[in-house]
Amino acid sequence: MHKSEIPFPIELNVCSRVNGELRQSSNTKYFLADIPSIISEISNGITLEPGDIIATGTPAGVGLGFKPPRFMKAGDVVECEVQNIGVLRNIVE
């Protein structure tokens, strides 16, 4: 995806689902550092290639925050989505 396809300032919805259940939902405007700064800092140490993923942390909704805690198990389908970019889907083993 080319940077011209992303609006500026970057304010994209991000979410995660486990087995189709929404677990986390936020927006990049709430990140502690803005996306261009994150990319710049990482690029000081490595060359980013197409397809690279930058993990930026997590919004509220992690398993330990539930009472009782909810942990993923083998076979669970985890989806992470960034608005207008796409969905990363993995099966827990």
N, C-alpha and C. Protein backbone atom coordinates (compact mmCIF):
# COMPACT_ATOMS: atom_id res chain seq x y z
N MET A 1 0.85 -1.17 0.00
CA MET A 1 0.00 0.00 0.00
C MET A 1 0.89 1.23 0.00
N HIS A 2 0.57 2.18 -0.82
CA HIS A 2 1.35 3.41 -0.91
C HIS A 2 0.83 4.42 0.11
N LYS A 3 1.74 5.24 0.65
CA LYS A 3 1.35 6.21 1.68
C LYS A 3 0.28 7.17 1.19
N SER A 4 0.18 7.38 -0.12
CA SER A 4 -0.85 8.29 -0.65
C SER A 4 -2.26 7.73 -0.46
N GLU A 5 -2.36 6.44 -0.15
CA GLU A 5 -3.66 5.81 0.06
C GLU A 5 -4.17 5.96 1.50
N ILE A 6 -3.34 6.51 2.37
CA ILE A 6 -3.71 6.69 3.77
C ILE A 6 -3.93 8.18 4.03
N PRO A 7 -5.07 8.55 4.62
CA PRO A 7 -5.32 9.97 4.91
C PRO A 7 -4.37 10.48 5.98
N PHE A 8 -4.11 11.77 5.94
CA PHE A 8 -3.26 12.39 6.96
C PHE A 8 -4.02 13.53 7.60
N PRO A 9 -4.08 13.69 8.91
CA PRO A 9 -3.36 12.85 9.85
C PRO A 9 -3.93 11.43 9.87
N ILE A 10 -3.08 10.49 10.25
CA ILE A 10 -3.46 9.08 10.23
C ILE A 10 -4.38 8.79 11.41
N GLU A 11 -5.63 8.53 11.10
CA GLU A 11 -6.64 8.18 12.12
C GLU A 11 -7.42 6.99 11.60
N LEU A 12 -6.88 5.80 11.85
CA LEU A 12 -7.49 4.57 11.37
C LEU A 12 -7.99 3.73 12.54
N ASN A 13 -9.16 3.12 12.38
CA ASN A 13 -9.67 2.21 13.39
C ASN A 13 -8.85 0.93 13.36
N VAL A 14 -8.55 0.41 14.53
CA VAL A 14 -7.85 -0.87 14.67
C VAL A 14 -8.66 -1.74 15.63
N CYS A 15 -8.71 -3.04 15.34
CA CYS A 15 -9.45 -3.92 16.24
C CYS A 15 -8.87 -5.33 16.18
N SER A 16 -9.23 -6.12 17.17
CA SER A 16 -8.89 -7.54 17.16
C SER A 16 -10.13 -8.33 17.57
N ARG A 17 -10.21 -9.52 17.00
CA ARG A 17 -11.31 -10.43 17.30
C ARG A 17 -10.73 -11.81 17.61
N VAL A 18 -11.37 -12.52 18.51
CA VAL A 18 -11.04 -13.91 18.77
C VAL A 18 -12.30 -14.72 18.51
N ASN A 19 -12.21 -15.62 17.55
CA ASN A 19 -13.37 -16.43 17.13
C ASN A 19 -14.57 -15.55 16.78
N GLY A 20 -14.30 -14.42 16.14
CA GLY A 20 -15.35 -13.52 15.70
C GLY A 20 -15.83 -12.54 16.75
N GLU A 21 -15.41 -12.71 18.01
CA GLU A 21 -15.82 -11.82 19.09
C GLU A 21 -14.86 -10.63 19.19
N LEU A 22 -15.40 -9.42 19.11
CA LEU A 22 -14.57 -8.23 19.24
C LEU A 22 -13.94 -8.18 20.62
N ARG A 23 -12.62 -8.11 20.67
CA ARG A 23 -11.90 -8.06 21.94
C ARG A 23 -11.27 -6.69 22.18
N GLN A 24 -10.81 -6.06 21.10
CA GLN A 24 -10.14 -4.77 21.22
C GLN A 24 -10.60 -3.87 20.09
N SER A 25 -10.75 -2.59 20.40
CA SER A 25 -11.15 -1.62 19.38
C SER A 25 -10.61 -0.26 19.79
N SER A 26 -9.90 0.38 18.87
CA SER A 26 -9.34 1.69 19.17
C SER A 26 -9.10 2.42 17.85
N ASN A 27 -8.30 3.47 17.90
CA ASN A 27 -7.97 4.25 16.72
C ASN A 27 -6.52 4.70 16.85
N THR A 28 -5.84 4.77 15.72
CA THR A 28 -4.42 5.15 15.74
C THR A 28 -4.20 6.54 16.33
N LYS A 29 -5.23 7.38 16.34
CA LYS A 29 -5.05 8.73 16.91
C LYS A 29 -4.78 8.67 18.42
N TYR A 30 -5.05 7.52 19.05
CA TYR A 30 -4.80 7.37 20.48
C TYR A 30 -3.43 6.75 20.78
N PHE A 31 -2.66 6.42 19.75
CA PHE A 31 -1.32 5.87 19.97
C PHE A 31 -0.47 6.90 20.71
N LEU A 32 0.46 6.43 21.51
CA LEU A 32 1.35 7.34 22.24
C LEU A 32 2.31 8.06 21.30
N ALA A 33 2.69 7.41 20.21
CA ALA A 33 3.54 8.02 19.18
C ALA A 33 2.80 7.93 17.85
N ASP A 34 2.96 8.96 17.01
CA ASP A 34 2.28 8.92 15.72
C ASP A 34 3.00 7.97 14.76
N ILE A 35 2.26 7.47 13.77
CA ILE A 35 2.77 6.46 12.85
C ILE A 35 4.04 6.92 12.13
N PRO A 36 4.08 8.14 11.55
CA PRO A 36 5.32 8.55 10.88
C PRO A 36 6.54 8.53 11.82
N SER A 37 6.37 8.91 13.07
CA SER A 37 7.49 8.88 14.03
C SER A 37 7.93 7.46 14.32
N ILE A 38 6.97 6.55 14.44
CA ILE A 38 7.29 5.14 14.70
C ILE A 38 8.09 4.58 13.52
N ILE A 39 7.63 4.83 12.30
CA ILE A 39 8.32 4.34 11.11
C ILE A 39 9.73 4.94 11.02
N SER A 40 9.84 6.22 11.29
CA SER A 40 11.14 6.89 11.24
C SER A 40 12.12 6.28 12.25
N GLU A 41 11.66 6.07 13.46
CA GLU A 41 12.52 5.51 14.51
C GLU A 41 12.99 4.11 14.14
N ILE A 42 12.08 3.26 13.69
CA ILE A 42 12.44 1.90 13.31
C ILE A 42 13.42 1.92 12.13
N SER A 43 13.18 2.82 11.18
CA SER A 43 14.02 2.90 9.99
C SER A 43 15.45 3.33 10.30
N ASN A 44 15.67 3.90 11.47
CA ASN A 44 17.04 4.24 11.87
C ASN A 44 17.88 3.00 12.10
N GLY A 45 17.24 1.87 12.42
CA GLY A 45 17.97 0.66 12.74
C GLY A 45 17.86 -0.46 11.72
N ILE A 46 16.76 -0.49 10.97
CA ILE A 46 16.56 -1.55 9.98
C ILE A 46 15.89 -0.97 8.74
N THR A 47 15.97 -1.72 7.66
CA THR A 47 15.27 -1.33 6.44
C THR A 47 13.92 -2.04 6.42
N LEU A 48 12.86 -1.29 6.41
CA LEU A 48 11.52 -1.87 6.33
C LEU A 48 11.26 -2.31 4.89
N GLU A 49 10.70 -3.50 4.74
CA GLU A 49 10.39 -4.07 3.43
C GLU A 49 8.88 -4.19 3.28
N PRO A 50 8.38 -4.20 2.04
CA PRO A 50 6.94 -4.42 1.82
C PRO A 50 6.49 -5.69 2.53
N GLY A 51 5.38 -5.59 3.25
CA GLY A 51 4.85 -6.74 3.98
C GLY A 51 5.29 -6.79 5.43
N ASP A 52 6.27 -5.97 5.82
CA ASP A 52 6.68 -5.94 7.22
C ASP A 52 5.53 -5.44 8.09
N ILE A 53 5.46 -5.96 9.30
CA ILE A 53 4.44 -5.57 10.26
C ILE A 53 5.12 -4.91 11.45
N ILE A 54 4.58 -3.79 11.88
CA ILE A 54 5.11 -3.09 13.06
C ILE A 54 4.09 -3.27 14.18
N ALA A 55 4.49 -3.99 15.23
CA ALA A 55 3.62 -4.17 16.38
C ALA A 55 3.77 -2.96 17.30
N THR A 56 2.66 -2.28 17.58
CA THR A 56 2.71 -1.01 18.30
C THR A 56 2.20 -1.09 19.73
N GLY A 57 1.85 -2.26 20.18
CA GLY A 57 1.28 -2.38 21.52
C GLY A 57 -0.17 -2.80 21.43
N THR A 58 -0.89 -2.60 22.49
CA THR A 58 -2.25 -3.12 22.53
C THR A 58 -3.22 -2.16 23.22
N PRO A 59 -4.41 -1.99 22.65
CA PRO A 59 -5.44 -1.23 23.36
C PRO A 59 -6.09 -2.12 24.43
N ALA A 60 -6.98 -1.55 25.20
CA ALA A 60 -7.69 -2.31 26.24
C ALA A 60 -8.40 -3.50 25.62
N GLY A 61 -8.54 -4.57 26.39
CA GLY A 61 -9.30 -5.73 25.94
C GLY A 61 -8.51 -7.02 25.95
N VAL A 62 -7.30 -7.00 26.52
CA VAL A 62 -6.50 -8.22 26.58
C VAL A 62 -7.13 -9.22 27.55
N GLY A 63 -6.80 -10.50 27.37
CA GLY A 63 -7.41 -11.57 28.15
C GLY A 63 -7.29 -11.41 29.65
N LEU A 64 -6.16 -10.87 30.13
CA LEU A 64 -5.99 -10.70 31.58
C LEU A 64 -6.93 -9.66 32.16
N GLY A 65 -7.50 -8.80 31.31
CA GLY A 65 -8.40 -7.76 31.78
C GLY A 65 -9.81 -8.26 32.07
N PHE A 66 -10.12 -9.50 31.67
CA PHE A 66 -11.44 -10.07 31.93
C PHE A 66 -11.45 -10.73 33.30
N LYS A 67 -12.63 -10.80 33.89
CA LYS A 67 -12.80 -11.50 35.17
C LYS A 67 -13.82 -12.60 34.96
N PRO A 68 -13.43 -13.87 34.98
CA PRO A 68 -12.06 -14.35 35.11
C PRO A 68 -11.28 -14.11 33.81
N PRO A 69 -9.94 -14.18 33.88
CA PRO A 69 -9.13 -13.98 32.67
C PRO A 69 -9.52 -14.95 31.56
N ARG A 70 -9.39 -14.49 30.32
CA ARG A 70 -9.74 -15.31 29.16
C ARG A 70 -8.49 -15.47 28.30
N PHE A 71 -8.02 -16.69 28.20
CA PHE A 71 -6.81 -16.97 27.44
C PHE A 71 -7.15 -17.67 26.14
N MET A 72 -6.35 -17.42 25.11
CA MET A 72 -6.56 -18.11 23.84
C MET A 72 -6.12 -19.55 23.99
N LYS A 73 -6.73 -20.41 23.16
CA LYS A 73 -6.39 -21.83 23.19
C LYS A 73 -6.23 -22.33 21.76
N ALA A 74 -5.64 -23.51 21.64
CA ALA A 74 -5.41 -24.10 20.33
C ALA A 74 -6.72 -24.14 19.54
N GLY A 75 -6.65 -23.72 18.29
CA GLY A 75 -7.82 -23.70 17.42
C GLY A 75 -8.52 -22.36 17.35
N ASP A 76 -8.27 -21.47 18.31
CA ASP A 76 -8.88 -20.14 18.26
C ASP A 76 -8.39 -19.40 17.01
N VAL A 77 -9.29 -18.63 16.41
CA VAL A 77 -8.95 -17.81 15.25
C VAL A 77 -8.83 -16.36 15.72
N VAL A 78 -7.65 -15.78 15.52
CA VAL A 78 -7.38 -14.41 15.95
C VAL A 78 -7.25 -13.53 14.71
N GLU A 79 -8.01 -12.45 14.68
CA GLU A 79 -7.97 -11.51 13.57
C GLU A 79 -7.59 -10.13 14.09
N CYS A 80 -6.63 -9.50 13.43
CA CYS A 80 -6.24 -8.12 13.73
C CYS A 80 -6.50 -7.31 12.47
N GLU A 81 -7.26 -6.22 12.61
CA GLU A 81 -7.67 -5.44 11.44
C GLU A 81 -7.29 -3.98 11.60
N VAL A 82 -6.81 -3.40 10.51
CA VAL A 82 -6.56 -1.97 10.43
C VAL A 82 -7.43 -1.44 9.29
N GLN A 83 -8.25 -0.47 9.60
CA GLN A 83 -9.19 0.13 8.64
C GLN A 83 -8.47 0.48 7.33
N ASN A 84 -9.07 0.12 6.22
CA ASN A 84 -8.59 0.41 4.86
C ASN A 84 -7.29 -0.30 4.50
N ILE A 85 -6.72 -1.07 5.41
CA ILE A 85 -5.48 -1.78 5.10
C ILE A 85 -5.73 -3.27 4.97
N GLY A 86 -6.39 -3.87 5.97
CA GLY A 86 -6.70 -5.28 5.84
C GLY A 86 -6.75 -6.00 7.17
N VAL A 87 -6.87 -7.32 7.06
CA VAL A 87 -7.01 -8.20 8.22
C VAL A 87 -5.89 -9.23 8.21
N LEU A 88 -5.25 -9.41 9.36
CA LEU A 88 -4.28 -10.48 9.55
C LEU A 88 -4.98 -11.54 10.38
N ARG A 89 -5.04 -12.77 9.85
CA ARG A 89 -5.79 -13.84 10.50
C ARG A 89 -4.84 -15.00 10.80
N ASN A 90 -4.85 -15.47 12.05
CA ASN A 90 -4.02 -16.60 12.45
C ASN A 90 -4.82 -17.55 13.32
N ILE A 91 -4.43 -18.81 13.25
CA ILE A 91 -5.03 -19.84 14.10
C ILE A 91 -4.03 -20.19 15.19
N VAL A 92 -4.47 -20.18 16.43
CA VAL A 92 -3.61 -20.49 17.57
C VAL A 92 -3.29 -21.99 17.56
N GLU A 93 -2.03 -22.31 17.75
CA GLU A 93 -1.62 -23.72 17.83
C GLU A 93 -1.13 -24.05 19.21
